[in-house]
């Protein structure tokens, strides 16, 4: 599964979920996946170097 597919799946789960605790967990997973996608895109663009400086 690609990160884009994972994000879409998490969005669908979030829209269907009514339990607050579960919604919070799904929202956190969605935010992490979105951040990972942003990092991947920026790395591909060459705008940043994701390797640690040491």
N, C-alpha and C. Protein backbone atom coordinates (compact mmCIF):
# COMPACT_ATOMS: atom_id res chain seq x y z
N UNK A 1 0.84 -1.18 0.00
CA UNK A 1 0.00 0.00 0.00
C UNK A 1 0.89 1.25 0.00
N UNK A 2 0.56 2.20 -0.84
CA UNK A 2 1.35 3.43 -0.88
C UNK A 2 0.90 4.35 0.26
N UNK A 3 1.72 5.34 0.53
CA UNK A 3 1.38 6.30 1.59
C UNK A 3 0.12 7.07 1.23
N UNK A 4 -0.07 7.34 -0.06
CA UNK A 4 -1.28 8.04 -0.50
C UNK A 4 -2.52 7.18 -0.23
N UNK A 5 -2.43 5.89 -0.50
CA UNK A 5 -3.55 4.98 -0.23
C UNK A 5 -3.83 4.90 1.27
N UNK A 6 -2.77 4.88 2.05
CA UNK A 6 -2.93 4.82 3.50
C UNK A 6 -3.64 6.07 4.00
N UNK A 7 -3.27 7.22 3.47
CA UNK A 7 -3.90 8.47 3.87
C UNK A 7 -5.39 8.46 3.51
N UNK A 8 -5.71 8.03 2.31
CA UNK A 8 -7.12 7.97 1.89
C UNK A 8 -7.91 7.00 2.77
N UNK A 9 -7.31 5.88 3.11
CA UNK A 9 -7.98 4.90 3.96
C UNK A 9 -8.21 5.47 5.36
N UNK A 10 -7.22 6.16 5.89
CA UNK A 10 -7.38 6.77 7.22
C UNK A 10 -8.44 7.86 7.19
N UNK A 11 -8.50 8.64 6.11
CA UNK A 11 -9.54 9.67 5.99
C UNK A 11 -10.93 9.03 6.00
N UNK A 12 -11.07 7.94 5.26
CA UNK A 12 -12.36 7.24 5.21
C UNK A 12 -12.73 6.70 6.58
N UNK A 13 -11.77 6.12 7.27
CA UNK A 13 -12.01 5.60 8.62
C UNK A 13 -12.43 6.73 9.56
N UNK A 14 -11.74 7.86 9.45
CA UNK A 14 -12.04 9.00 10.32
C UNK A 14 -13.46 9.51 10.07
N UNK A 15 -13.86 9.57 8.81
CA UNK A 15 -15.21 10.04 8.48
C UNK A 15 -16.29 9.08 8.99
N UNK A 16 -15.98 7.80 9.05
CA UNK A 16 -16.96 6.81 9.46
C UNK A 16 -16.99 6.58 10.97
N UNK A 17 -15.97 7.03 11.66
CA UNK A 17 -15.82 6.74 13.09
C UNK A 17 -16.62 7.73 13.93
N UNK A 18 -17.30 7.22 14.96
CA UNK A 18 -18.07 8.10 15.85
C UNK A 18 -17.52 8.11 17.27
N UNK A 19 -16.69 7.15 17.63
CA UNK A 19 -16.15 7.09 18.99
C UNK A 19 -14.99 8.08 19.14
N UNK A 20 -15.08 8.99 20.12
CA UNK A 20 -14.05 10.02 20.27
C UNK A 20 -12.63 9.49 20.46
N UNK A 21 -12.45 8.47 21.26
CA UNK A 21 -11.10 7.94 21.51
C UNK A 21 -10.51 7.36 20.23
N UNK A 22 -11.33 6.62 19.51
CA UNK A 22 -10.86 6.03 18.26
C UNK A 22 -10.60 7.10 17.21
N UNK A 23 -11.45 8.13 17.17
CA UNK A 23 -11.25 9.24 16.22
C UNK A 23 -9.91 9.92 16.49
N UNK A 24 -9.58 10.09 17.77
CA UNK A 24 -8.31 10.71 18.13
C UNK A 24 -7.13 9.89 17.66
N UNK A 25 -7.23 8.59 17.80
CA UNK A 25 -6.15 7.71 17.36
C UNK A 25 -6.01 7.74 15.84
N UNK A 26 -7.12 7.68 15.14
CA UNK A 26 -7.08 7.72 13.68
C UNK A 26 -6.54 9.06 13.21
N UNK A 27 -6.96 10.14 13.86
CA UNK A 27 -6.48 11.48 13.49
C UNK A 27 -4.97 11.57 13.66
N UNK A 28 -4.46 11.02 14.74
CA UNK A 28 -3.01 11.04 14.98
C UNK A 28 -2.28 10.24 13.90
N UNK A 29 -2.81 9.07 13.56
CA UNK A 29 -2.20 8.26 12.50
C UNK A 29 -2.23 8.98 11.16
N UNK A 30 -3.33 9.68 10.90
CA UNK A 30 -3.46 10.43 9.65
C UNK A 30 -2.43 11.57 9.60
N UNK A 31 -2.26 12.27 10.68
CA UNK A 31 -1.30 13.37 10.72
C UNK A 31 0.13 12.85 10.51
N UNK A 32 0.45 11.72 11.09
CA UNK A 32 1.78 11.12 10.90
C UNK A 32 1.98 10.73 9.44
N UNK A 33 0.99 10.09 8.86
CA UNK A 33 1.09 9.67 7.45
C UNK A 33 1.24 10.88 6.54
N UNK A 34 0.50 11.95 6.81
CA UNK A 34 0.60 13.16 6.00
C UNK A 34 1.99 13.79 6.13
N UNK A 35 2.53 13.79 7.34
CA UNK A 35 3.87 14.33 7.55
C UNK A 35 4.91 13.50 6.81
N UNK A 36 4.75 12.18 6.85
CA UNK A 36 5.68 11.30 6.13
C UNK A 36 5.62 11.57 4.63
N UNK A 37 4.42 11.79 4.10
CA UNK A 37 4.28 12.10 2.68
C UNK A 37 4.97 13.41 2.34
N UNK A 38 4.81 14.40 3.17
CA UNK A 38 5.45 15.70 2.94
C UNK A 38 6.96 15.53 2.91
N UNK A 39 7.51 14.79 3.86
CA UNK A 39 8.95 14.57 3.91
C UNK A 39 9.42 13.86 2.64
N UNK A 40 8.67 12.84 2.22
CA UNK A 40 9.04 12.11 1.00
C UNK A 40 9.06 13.03 -0.21
N UNK A 41 8.04 13.87 -0.33
CA UNK A 41 7.96 14.78 -1.47
C UNK A 41 9.08 15.81 -1.46
N UNK A 42 9.39 16.32 -0.29
CA UNK A 42 10.45 17.32 -0.19
C UNK A 42 11.81 16.69 -0.47
N UNK A 43 12.00 15.45 0.00
CA UNK A 43 13.25 14.75 -0.29
C UNK A 43 13.41 14.54 -1.79
N UNK A 44 12.33 14.17 -2.46
CA UNK A 44 12.38 13.96 -3.91
C UNK A 44 12.68 15.26 -4.64
N UNK A 45 12.15 16.34 -4.11
CA UNK A 45 12.36 17.66 -4.70
C UNK A 45 13.80 18.13 -4.50
N UNK A 46 14.44 17.61 -3.47
CA UNK A 46 15.80 18.01 -3.16
C UNK A 46 15.90 19.26 -2.32
N UNK A 47 14.78 19.69 -1.77
CA UNK A 47 14.76 20.91 -0.97
C UNK A 47 15.46 20.74 0.37
N UNK A 48 15.40 19.53 0.94
CA UNK A 48 16.06 19.28 2.22
C UNK A 48 16.81 17.96 2.16
N UNK A 49 17.72 17.81 3.06
CA UNK A 49 18.44 16.55 3.24
C UNK A 49 17.92 15.95 4.54
N UNK A 50 17.31 14.78 4.47
CA UNK A 50 16.66 14.18 5.64
C UNK A 50 17.63 13.40 6.50
N UNK A 51 18.84 13.20 6.06
CA UNK A 51 19.82 12.43 6.85
C UNK A 51 20.27 13.27 8.05
N UNK A 52 20.50 12.62 9.18
CA UNK A 52 21.01 13.36 10.33
C UNK A 52 22.41 13.92 10.05
N UNK A 53 22.77 15.00 10.69
CA UNK A 53 24.06 15.66 10.40
C UNK A 53 25.27 14.92 10.94
N UNK A 54 25.08 13.87 11.69
CA UNK A 54 26.22 13.15 12.27
C UNK A 54 26.45 11.83 11.59
